[in-house]
Amino acid sequence: MNNHEIDYKLYGDDMQFVEIELDPQETVVAEAGALMMMVDGIKMETIFGDGSKSSGAGGFMGKLMGAGKRVLTGESLFMTTFTNDGVGKKHVYFASPYPGKIIPMDLSQYNGKIICQKDAFLAAAKGVSIGIEFQRKIGAGFFGGEGFIMQKLEGDGMAFVHAGGTIIEYKLDPGEVLRVDTGCLVAMTQEVDYDIEMVKGVKTALFGGEGLFFATLKGPGTVWIQSLPFSRLASRVFAAAPQTPGGGSRDEGSIAGGLFNLLGGK
């Protein structure tokens, strides 16, 4: 194993967090803001890139280039490492940023590479490379909905990705095709052929209530699908939120808001 070997345990159902157990000098790398809590003896450090051996191979410029690629996926230049700097086993905890599931992935079981949506990565064993994956087909690039640039996780250690709602792991047979809403795709193995297909029929596209494009996934391979993309959740919350000229809310749904309106408040 080139990556650090870490043990883990998942807690919760719809609002999950992961407990990662580190032996002395073992390290886990995570997105900034993913930390929930950590015990005494864990050393936290902010670094360029992902801390993998490959990202530092070219010295400072190599690290800068590796970190700069993350900007293209909308992520920060920096990541955070958590190292057991003490004696005995130590624990650090990471939480999902919104309701959903955390998916543990042993990259050694997927030929050392997983491709995922750009905001799905949560944490990984040190040594896992977090890079970018350009979609080769121009249709996927322009009409992908969630962005034509995706993340790739490479290595032979554990990685953790998160997604919204309920997750299904779907195994595609050779030649089998699955059409998925572009926002519902979480991750896939490198063997899956990924493309974007326009919804057939003008009336269906305009009045069907769905998007104009599908993600078309062709086997063999494994894909992970989420039932509630964060973009869908956010749009529903925004649509249901009361709007006022000043941009604030008068709590129309509450008793206090009703009394306020009854008394002639504006």
C-alpha atoms as a PDB file:
ATOM      1  CA  MET A   1       0.000   0.000   0.000  1.00  0.00           C
ATOM      2  CA  ASN A   2       1.367   3.401  -1.033  1.00  0.00           C
ATOM      3  CA  ASN A   3      -1.447   5.267   0.730  1.00  0.00           C
ATOM      4  CA  HIS A   4      -1.845   5.407   4.483  1.00  0.00           C
ATOM      5  CA  GLU A   5      -4.060   2.607   5.797  1.00  0.00           C
ATOM      6  CA  ILE A   6      -6.910   4.008   7.874  1.00  0.00           C
ATOM      7  CA  ASP A   7      -9.833   2.431   9.687  1.00  0.00           C
ATOM      8  CA  TYR A   8     -13.245   4.076   9.809  1.00  0.00           C
ATOM      9  CA  LYS A   9     -16.773   3.843  11.163  1.00  0.00           C
ATOM     10  CA  LEU A  10     -19.924   5.548   9.880  1.00  0.00           C
ATOM     11  CA  TYR A  11     -22.522   7.014  12.232  1.00  0.00           C
ATOM     12  CA  GLY A  12     -26.075   8.179  11.582  1.00  0.00           C
ATOM     13  CA  ASP A  13     -28.564   7.616   8.811  1.00  0.00           C
ATOM     14  CA  ASP A  14     -29.572  10.765   6.912  1.00  0.00           C
ATOM     15  CA  MET A  15     -27.114  13.166   8.576  1.00  0.00           C
ATOM     16  CA  GLN A  16     -24.008  11.025   8.627  1.00  0.00           C
ATOM     17  CA  PHE A  17     -20.506  11.573   9.882  1.00  0.00           C
ATOM     18  CA  VAL A  18     -17.452   9.348   9.648  1.00  0.00           C
ATOM     19  CA  GLU A  19     -15.008   8.470  12.424  1.00  0.00           C
ATOM     20  CA  ILE A  20     -11.494   7.838  11.124  1.00  0.00           C
ATOM     21  CA  GLU A  21      -8.992   5.984  13.301  1.00  0.00           C
ATOM     22  CA  LEU A  22      -5.346   6.917  12.848  1.00  0.00           C
ATOM     23  CA  ASP A  23      -2.344   4.994  14.081  1.00  0.00           C
ATOM     24  CA  PRO A  24       0.732   7.053  15.077  1.00  0.00           C
ATOM     25  CA  GLN A  25       1.964   9.169  12.111  1.00  0.00           C
ATOM     26  CA  GLU A  26      -0.964   8.189   9.910  1.00  0.00           C
ATOM     27  CA  THR A  27      -2.625  11.066   8.052  1.00  0.00           C
ATOM     28  CA  VAL A  28      -5.984  11.791   6.470  1.00  0.00           C
ATOM     29  CA  VAL A  29      -6.583  14.687   4.069  1.00  0.00           C
ATOM     30  CA  ALA A  30      -9.932  16.502   3.874  1.00  0.00           C
ATOM     31  CA  GLU A  31     -11.683  19.420   2.273  1.00  0.00           C
ATOM     32  CA  ALA A  32     -11.520  22.663   4.228  1.00  0.00           C
ATOM     33  CA  GLY A  33     -14.570  22.895   6.480  1.00  0.00           C
ATOM     34  CA  ALA A  34     -15.272  19.152   6.607  1.00  0.00           C
ATOM     35  CA  LEU A  35     -13.974  18.689  10.171  1.00  0.00           C
ATOM     36  CA  MET A  36     -16.526  17.873  12.864  1.00  0.00           C
ATOM     37  CA  MET A  37     -14.219  17.198  15.828  1.00  0.00           C
ATOM     38  CA  MET A  38     -10.905  15.584  16.743  1.00  0.00           C
ATOM     39  CA  VAL A  39      -9.284  14.237  19.885  1.00  0.00           C
ATOM     40  CA  ASP A  40      -6.150  15.606  21.520  1.00  0.00           C
ATOM     41  CA  GLY A  41      -2.950  14.504  19.798  1.00  0.00           C
ATOM     42  CA  ILE A  42      -4.123  15.171  16.235  1.00  0.00           C
ATOM     43  CA  LYS A  43      -1.984  17.705  14.359  1.00  0.00           C
ATOM     44  CA  MET A  44      -3.867  19.814  11.800  1.00  0.00           C
ATOM     45  CA  GLU A  45      -2.031  21.471   8.903  1.00  0.00           C
ATOM     46  CA  THR A  46      -3.157  23.413   5.813  1.00  0.00           C
ATOM     47  CA  ILE A  47      -1.361  22.401   2.619  1.00  0.00           C
ATOM     48  CA  PHE A  48      -1.313  23.110  -1.114  1.00  0.00           C
ATOM     49  CA  GLY A  49      -3.093  20.430  -3.102  1.00  0.00           C
ATOM     50  CA  ASP A  50      -3.832  16.988  -1.718  1.00  0.00           C
ATOM     51  CA  GLY A  51      -0.529  16.015  -0.106  1.00  0.00           C
ATOM     52  CA  SER A  52      -0.010  13.026  -2.388  1.00  0.00           C
ATOM     53  CA  LYS A  53       3.497  12.125  -3.460  1.00  0.00           C
ATOM     54  CA  SER A  54       2.777  12.955  -7.091  1.00  0.00           C
ATOM     55  CA  SER A  55       1.569  16.475  -6.311  1.00  0.00           C
ATOM     56  CA  GLY A  56       4.894  17.310  -4.670  1.00  0.00           C
ATOM     57  CA  ALA A  57       7.159  15.677  -7.193  1.00  0.00           C
ATOM     58  CA  GLY A  58       7.985  18.959  -8.922  1.00  0.00           C
ATOM     59  CA  GLY A  59       8.808  20.968  -5.827  1.00  0.00           C
ATOM     60  CA  PHE A  60       6.877  24.154  -5.077  1.00  0.00           C
ATOM     61  CA  MET A  61       5.773  24.660  -8.703  1.00  0.00           C
ATOM     62  CA  GLY A  62       4.515  21.084  -8.875  1.00  0.00           C
ATOM     63  CA  LYS A  63       2.473  21.599  -5.735  1.00  0.00           C
ATOM     64  CA  LEU A  64       1.177  24.915  -7.051  1.00  0.00           C
ATOM     65  CA  MET A  65       0.090  23.358 -10.345  1.00  0.00           C
ATOM     66  CA  GLY A  66      -1.624  20.479  -8.532  1.00  0.00           C
ATOM     67  CA  ALA A  67      -3.456  22.895  -6.258  1.00  0.00           C
ATOM     68  CA  GLY A  68      -4.317  25.194  -9.146  1.00  0.00           C
ATOM     69  CA  LYS A  69      -6.157  22.401 -10.948  1.00  0.00           C
ATOM     70  CA  ARG A  70      -8.572  22.256  -8.012  1.00  0.00           C
ATOM     71  CA  VAL A  71      -9.658  25.831  -8.709  1.00  0.00           C
ATOM     72  CA  LEU A  72     -11.122  24.613 -12.012  1.00  0.00           C
ATOM     73  CA  THR A  73     -13.494  22.353 -10.065  1.00  0.00           C
ATOM     74  CA  GLY A  74     -14.615  25.238  -7.840  1.00  0.00           C
ATOM     75  CA  GLU A  75     -12.661  24.022  -4.807  1.00  0.00           C
ATOM     76  CA  SER A  76     -10.134  25.851  -2.645  1.00  0.00           C
ATOM     77  CA  LEU A  77      -6.413  25.967  -3.379  1.00  0.00           C
ATOM     78  CA  PHE A  78      -5.828  24.473   0.049  1.00  0.00           C
ATOM     79  CA  MET A  79      -6.674  21.227   1.797  1.00  0.00           C
ATOM     80  CA  THR A  80      -6.231  20.196   5.419  1.00  0.00           C
ATOM     81  CA  THR A  81      -4.285  17.223   6.743  1.00  0.00           C
ATOM     82  CA  PHE A  82      -4.865  15.568  10.110  1.00  0.00           C
ATOM     83  CA  THR A  83      -1.964  13.529  11.483  1.00  0.00           C
ATOM     84  CA  ASN A  84      -1.780  11.385  14.612  1.00  0.00           C
ATOM     85  CA  ASP A  85       1.175  13.086  16.283  1.00  0.00           C
ATOM     86  CA  GLY A  86       0.777  11.301  19.574  1.00  0.00           C
ATOM     87  CA  VAL A  87       0.978   7.802  21.035  1.00  0.00           C
ATOM     88  CA  GLY A  88      -1.701   5.198  20.457  1.00  0.00           C
ATOM     89  CA  LYS A  89      -4.732   5.343  18.217  1.00  0.00           C
ATOM     90  CA  LYS A  90      -6.455   8.698  17.721  1.00  0.00           C
ATOM     91  CA  HIS A  91      -9.778   9.626  16.137  1.00  0.00           C
ATOM     92  CA  VAL A  92     -10.894  12.464  13.881  1.00  0.00           C
ATOM     93  CA  TYR A  93     -14.448  13.018  12.645  1.00  0.00           C
ATOM     94  CA  PHE A  94     -15.802  14.491   9.404  1.00  0.00           C
ATOM     95  CA  ALA A  95     -19.427  15.369   8.637  1.00  0.00           C
ATOM     96  CA  SER A  96     -21.491  15.748   5.476  1.00  0.00           C
ATOM     97  CA  PRO A  97     -22.326  19.367   4.579  1.00  0.00           C
ATOM     98  CA  TYR A  98     -26.014  18.562   3.873  1.00  0.00           C
ATOM     99  CA  PRO A  99     -28.472  15.666   4.427  1.00  0.00           C
ATOM    100  CA  GLY A 100     -27.409  12.510   2.654  1.00  0.00           C
ATOM    101  CA  LYS A 101     -24.955   9.639   2.808  1.00  0.00           C
ATOM    102  CA  ILE A 102     -21.200   9.172   3.035  1.00  0.00           C
ATOM    103  CA  ILE A 103     -19.865   6.544   0.638  1.00  0.00           C
ATOM    104  CA  PRO A 104     -16.614   4.797   1.675  1.00  0.00           C
ATOM    105  CA  MET A 105     -14.578   3.650  -1.334  1.00  0.00           C
ATOM    106  CA  ASP A 106     -11.518   1.426  -1.276  1.00  0.00           C
ATOM    107  CA  LEU A 107      -9.804   2.620  -4.462  1.00  0.00           C
ATOM    108  CA  SER A 108      -7.761  -0.578  -4.705  1.00  0.00           C
ATOM    109  CA  GLN A 109     -11.033  -2.403  -5.489  1.00  0.00           C
ATOM    110  CA  TYR A 110     -11.805  -0.085  -8.422  1.00  0.00           C
ATOM    111  CA  ASN A 111      -8.524  -0.276 -10.336  1.00  0.00           C
ATOM    112  CA  GLY A 112      -7.146   2.699  -8.426  1.00  0.00           C
ATOM    113  CA  LYS A 113      -9.461   5.379  -9.832  1.00  0.00           C
ATOM    114  CA  ILE A 114     -12.931   6.816  -9.253  1.00  0.00           C
ATOM    115  CA  ILE A 115     -14.492   9.755 -11.116  1.00  0.00           C
ATOM    116  CA  CYS A 116     -16.938  11.848  -9.102  1.00  0.00           C
ATOM    117  CA  GLN A 117     -18.845  15.115  -9.161  1.00  0.00           C
ATOM    118  CA  LYS A 118     -16.673  18.101  -8.341  1.00  0.00           C
ATOM    119  CA  ASP A 119     -18.211  18.745  -4.897  1.00  0.00           C
ATOM    120  CA  ALA A 120     -18.563  15.116  -3.765  1.00  0.00           C
ATOM    121  CA  PHE A 121     -15.145  14.550  -2.165  1.00  0.00           C
ATOM    122  CA  LEU A 122     -15.061  14.644   1.648  1.00  0.00           C
ATOM    123  CA  ALA A 123     -11.818  13.013   2.881  1.00  0.00           C
ATOM    124  CA  ALA A 124      -9.215  10.379   1.999  1.00  0.00           C
ATOM    125  CA  ALA A 125      -6.124   8.623   3.261  1.00  0.00           C
ATOM    126  CA  LYS A 126      -2.934  10.580   2.617  1.00  0.00           C
ATOM    127  CA  GLY A 127      -1.462   9.537  -0.706  1.00  0.00           C
ATOM    128  CA  VAL A 128      -4.751   9.566  -2.583  1.00  0.00           C
ATOM    129  CA  SER A 129      -4.469  12.045  -5.461  1.00  0.00           C
ATOM    130  CA  ILE A 130      -7.411  14.401  -5.947  1.00  0.00           C
ATOM    131  CA  GLY A 131      -7.297  15.792  -9.479  1.00  0.00           C
ATOM    132  CA  ILE A 132      -9.551  16.839 -12.335  1.00  0.00           C
ATOM    133  CA  GLU A 133     -11.105  14.738 -15.071  1.00  0.00           C
ATOM    134  CA  PHE A 134     -12.069  16.440 -18.341  1.00  0.00           C
ATOM    135  CA  GLN A 135     -14.903  14.858 -20.254  1.00  0.00           C
ATOM    136  CA  ARG A 136     -13.633  13.964 -23.711  1.00  0.00           C
ATOM    137  CA  LYS A 137     -16.930  14.437 -25.519  1.00  0.00           C
ATOM    138  CA  ILE A 138     -17.988  17.966 -26.404  1.00  0.00           C
ATOM    139  CA  GLY A 139     -21.644  17.251 -25.622  1.00  0.00           C
ATOM    140  CA  ALA A 140     -20.767  16.350 -22.051  1.00  0.00           C
ATOM    141  CA  GLY A 141     -18.690  19.497 -21.855  1.00  0.00           C
ATOM    142  CA  PHE A 142     -21.308  22.021 -22.910  1.00  0.00           C
ATOM    143  CA  PHE A 143     -24.507  20.422 -21.644  1.00  0.00           C
ATOM    144  CA  GLY A 144     -23.428  18.423 -18.601  1.00  0.00           C
ATOM    145  CA  GLY A 145     -25.530  20.510 -16.235  1.00  0.00           C
ATOM    146  CA  GLU A 146     -23.263  19.857 -13.249  1.00  0.00           C
ATOM    147  CA  GLY A 147     -20.136  20.899 -15.113  1.00  0.00           C
ATOM    148  CA  PHE A 148     -17.958  19.235 -17.653  1.00  0.00           C
ATOM    149  CA  ILE A 149     -15.013  19.118 -15.273  1.00  0.00           C
ATOM    150  CA  MET A 150     -15.245  16.312 -12.726  1.00  0.00           C
ATOM    151  CA  GLN A 151     -12.932  15.160  -9.947  1.00  0.00           C
ATOM    152  CA  LYS A 152     -10.835  12.015 -10.086  1.00  0.00           C
ATOM    153  CA  LEU A 153      -9.595  10.156  -7.027  1.00  0.00           C
ATOM    154  CA  GLU A 154      -6.543   7.994  -7.692  1.00  0.00           C
ATOM    155  CA  GLY A 155      -4.566   5.695  -5.426  1.00  0.00           C
ATOM    156  CA  ASP A 156      -4.949   2.478  -3.486  1.00  0.00           C
ATOM    157  CA  GLY A 157      -6.338   3.790  -0.197  1.00  0.00           C
ATOM    158  CA  MET A 158      -9.695   4.743   1.298  1.00  0.00           C
ATOM    159  CA  ALA A 159     -11.639   7.747   0.058  1.00  0.00           C
ATOM    160  CA  PHE A 160     -14.964   9.130   1.247  1.00  0.00           C
ATOM    161  CA  VAL A 161     -17.477  10.976  -0.906  1.00  0.00           C
ATOM    162  CA  HIS A 162     -20.835  12.385   0.132  1.00  0.00           C
ATOM    163  CA  ALA A 163     -24.107  12.799  -1.732  1.00  0.00           C
ATOM    164  CA  GLY A 164     -27.675  13.919  -1.073  1.00  0.00           C
ATOM    165  CA  GLY A 165     -30.669  11.811  -0.140  1.00  0.00           C
ATOM    166  CA  THR A 166     -30.424   8.051  -0.633  1.00  0.00           C
ATOM    167  CA  ILE A 167     -27.602   6.451  -2.629  1.00  0.00           C
ATOM    168  CA  ILE A 168     -27.834   3.489  -4.970  1.00  0.00           C
ATOM    169  CA  GLU A 169     -24.803   1.606  -6.261  1.00  0.00           C
ATOM    170  CA  TYR A 170     -25.685   0.354  -9.751  1.00  0.00           C
ATOM    171  CA  LYS A 171     -23.554  -2.186 -11.598  1.00  0.00           C
ATOM    172  CA  LEU A 172     -23.712  -1.901 -15.388  1.00  0.00           C
ATOM    173  CA  ASP A 173     -23.240  -4.956 -17.572  1.00  0.00           C
ATOM    174  CA  PRO A 174     -21.202  -4.605 -20.791  1.00  0.00           C
ATOM    175  CA  GLY A 175     -23.251  -2.550 -23.253  1.00  0.00           C
ATOM    176  CA  GLU A 176     -25.994  -1.748 -20.721  1.00  0.00           C
ATOM    177  CA  VAL A 177     -27.145   1.885 -20.846  1.00  0.00           C
ATOM    178  CA  LEU A 178     -28.537   3.921 -17.942  1.00  0.00           C
ATOM    179  CA  ARG A 179     -29.979   7.436 -18.412  1.00  0.00           C
ATOM    180  CA  VAL A 180     -29.678   9.625 -15.344  1.00  0.00           C
ATOM    181  CA  ASP A 181     -30.563  13.210 -14.494  1.00  0.00           C
ATOM    182  CA  THR A 182     -27.250  15.045 -14.752  1.00  0.00           C
ATOM    183  CA  GLY A 183     -27.430  16.236 -11.149  1.00  0.00           C
ATOM    184  CA  CYS A 184     -28.103  12.767  -9.744  1.00  0.00           C
ATOM    185  CA  LEU A 185     -24.802  11.239 -10.869  1.00  0.00           C
ATOM    186  CA  VAL A 186     -22.375  11.063  -7.926  1.00  0.00           C
ATOM    187  CA  ALA A 187     -19.497   8.869  -9.067  1.00  0.00           C
ATOM    188  CA  MET A 188     -18.485   6.169 -11.514  1.00  0.00           C
ATOM    189  CA  THR A 189     -15.620   3.819 -12.225  1.00  0.00           C
ATOM    190  CA  GLN A 190     -13.230   4.712 -15.023  1.00  0.00           C
ATOM    191  CA  GLU A 191     -14.570   2.021 -17.373  1.00  0.00           C
ATOM    192  CA  VAL A 192     -17.997   3.664 -17.681  1.00  0.00           C
ATOM    193  CA  ASP A 193     -18.605   5.510 -20.968  1.00  0.00           C
ATOM    194  CA  TYR A 194     -20.144   8.882 -20.043  1.00  0.00           C
ATOM    195  CA  ASP A 195     -21.990  11.172 -22.444  1.00  0.00           C
ATOM    196  CA  ILE A 196     -24.813  13.722 -22.512  1.00  0.00           C
ATOM    197  CA  GLU A 197     -28.013  13.049 -24.469  1.00  0.00           C
ATOM    198  CA  MET A 198     -30.732  15.572 -25.231  1.00  0.00           C
ATOM    199  CA  VAL A 199     -34.299  14.662 -24.251  1.00  0.00           C
ATOM    200  CA  LYS A 200     -36.177  13.581 -27.375  1.00  0.00           C
ATOM    201  CA  GLY A 201     -39.328  15.452 -28.324  1.00  0.00           C
ATOM    202  CA  VAL A 202     -39.759  19.221 -28.172  1.00  0.00           C
ATOM    203  CA  LYS A 203     -42.898  19.074 -26.006  1.00  0.00           C
ATOM    204  CA  THR A 204     -41.282  16.654 -23.571  1.00  0.00           C
ATOM    205  CA  ALA A 205     -38.202  18.844 -23.295  1.00  0.00           C
ATOM    206  CA  LEU A 206     -40.126  22.080 -22.782  1.00  0.00           C
ATOM    207  CA  PHE A 207     -43.052  20.929 -20.651  1.00  0.00           C
ATOM    208  CA  GLY A 208     -41.891  17.709 -19.013  1.00  0.00           C
ATOM    209  CA  GLY A 209     -40.673  19.434 -15.873  1.00  0.00           C
ATOM    210  CA  GLU A 210     -37.265  17.784 -16.140  1.00  0.00           C
ATOM    211  CA  GLY A 211     -33.998  19.017 -17.572  1.00  0.00           C
ATOM    212  CA  LEU A 212     -33.255  19.128 -21.281  1.00  0.00           C
ATOM    213  CA  PHE A 213     -30.398  16.648 -21.005  1.00  0.00           C
ATOM    214  CA  PHE A 214     -29.661  13.194 -19.573  1.00  0.00           C
ATOM    215  CA  ALA A 215     -26.351  11.747 -18.497  1.00  0.00           C
ATOM    216  CA  THR A 216     -25.988   8.548 -20.528  1.00  0.00           C
ATOM    217  CA  LEU A 217     -23.887   5.898 -18.788  1.00  0.00           C
ATOM    218  CA  LYS A 218     -22.806   2.819 -20.710  1.00  0.00           C
ATOM    219  CA  GLY A 219     -21.310  -0.267 -19.080  1.00  0.00           C
ATOM    220  CA  PRO A 220     -19.389  -2.112 -17.994  1.00  0.00           C
ATOM    221  CA  GLY A 221     -18.687  -0.473 -14.673  1.00  0.00           C
ATOM    222  CA  THR A 222     -20.243   0.776 -11.462  1.00  0.00           C
ATOM    223  CA  VAL A 223     -22.057   4.070 -10.903  1.00  0.00           C
ATOM    224  CA  TRP A 224     -23.371   5.740  -7.753  1.00  0.00           C
ATOM    225  CA  ILE A 225     -26.616   7.711  -8.018  1.00  0.00           C
ATOM    226  CA  GLN A 226     -28.078  10.166  -5.477  1.00  0.00           C
ATOM    227  CA  SER A 227     -31.801  10.747  -5.027  1.00  0.00           C
ATOM    228  CA  LEU A 228     -31.519  14.393  -3.915  1.00  0.00           C
ATOM    229  CA  PRO A 229     -28.822  16.570  -5.534  1.00  0.00           C
ATOM    230  CA  PHE A 230     -28.001  19.633  -3.457  1.00  0.00           C
ATOM    231  CA  SER A 231     -28.865  21.914  -6.399  1.00  0.00           C
ATOM    232  CA  ARG A 232     -32.402  20.476  -6.430  1.00  0.00           C
ATOM    233  CA  LEU A 233     -32.771  20.862  -2.664  1.00  0.00           C
ATOM    234  CA  ALA A 234     -31.489  24.440  -2.773  1.00  0.00           C
ATOM    235  CA  SER A 235     -33.863  25.444  -5.594  1.00  0.00           C
ATOM    236  CA  ARG A 236     -36.889  24.074  -3.701  1.00  0.00           C
ATOM    237  CA  VAL A 237     -35.876  25.876  -0.491  1.00  0.00           C
ATOM    238  CA  PHE A 238     -35.360  29.116  -2.407  1.00  0.00           C
ATOM    239  CA  ALA A 239     -38.723  28.775  -4.172  1.00  0.00           C
ATOM    240  CA  ALA A 240     -40.533  28.173  -0.860  1.00  0.00           C
ATOM    241  CA  ALA A 241     -38.804  31.002   1.010  1.00  0.00           C
ATOM    242  CA  PRO A 242     -40.963  34.135   1.474  1.00  0.00           C
ATOM    243  CA  GLN A 243     -39.693  37.041  -0.584  1.00  0.00           C
ATOM    244  CA  THR A 244     -39.901  40.692   0.519  1.00  0.00           C
ATOM    245  CA  PRO A 245     -38.720  43.830  -1.300  1.00  0.00           C
ATOM    246  CA  GLY A 246     -35.875  44.174   1.182  1.00  0.00           C
ATOM    247  CA  GLY A 247     -34.774  40.588   0.634  1.00  0.00           C
ATOM    248  CA  GLY A 248     -35.701  39.510   4.150  1.00  0.00           C
ATOM    249  CA  SER A 249     -38.485  37.423   5.647  1.00  0.00           C
ATOM    250  CA  ARG A 250     -41.428  38.428   7.830  1.00  0.00           C
ATOM    251  CA  ASP A 251     -41.972  34.854   9.033  1.00  0.00           C
ATOM    252  CA  GLU A 252     -45.308  34.609   7.211  1.00  0.00           C
ATOM    253  CA  GLY A 253     -45.683  30.986   8.249  1.00  0.00           C
ATOM    254  CA  SER A 254     -45.463  31.677  11.976  1.00  0.00           C
ATOM    255  CA  ILE A 255     -48.042  32.914  14.480  1.00  0.00           C
ATOM    256  CA  ALA A 256     -45.929  36.011  15.130  1.00  0.00           C
ATOM    257  CA  GLY A 257     -45.847  36.746  11.410  1.00  0.00           C
ATOM    258  CA  GLY A 258     -49.634  36.406  11.174  1.00  0.00           C
ATOM    259  CA  LEU A 259     -50.198  38.824  14.080  1.00  0.00           C
ATOM    260  CA  PHE A 260     -47.730  41.238  12.510  1.00  0.00           C
ATOM    261  CA  ASN A 261     -49.695  41.257   9.250  1.00  0.00           C
ATOM    262  CA  LEU A 262     -53.050  41.507  11.090  1.00  0.00           C
ATOM    263  CA  LEU A 263     -51.884  44.620  12.897  1.00  0.00           C
ATOM    264  CA  GLY A 264     -51.004  46.258   9.604  1.00  0.00           C
ATOM    265  CA  GLY A 265     -47.254  45.645   9.655  1.00  0.00           C
ATOM    266  CA  LYS A 266     -45.380  45.930   6.398  1.00  0.00           C
END
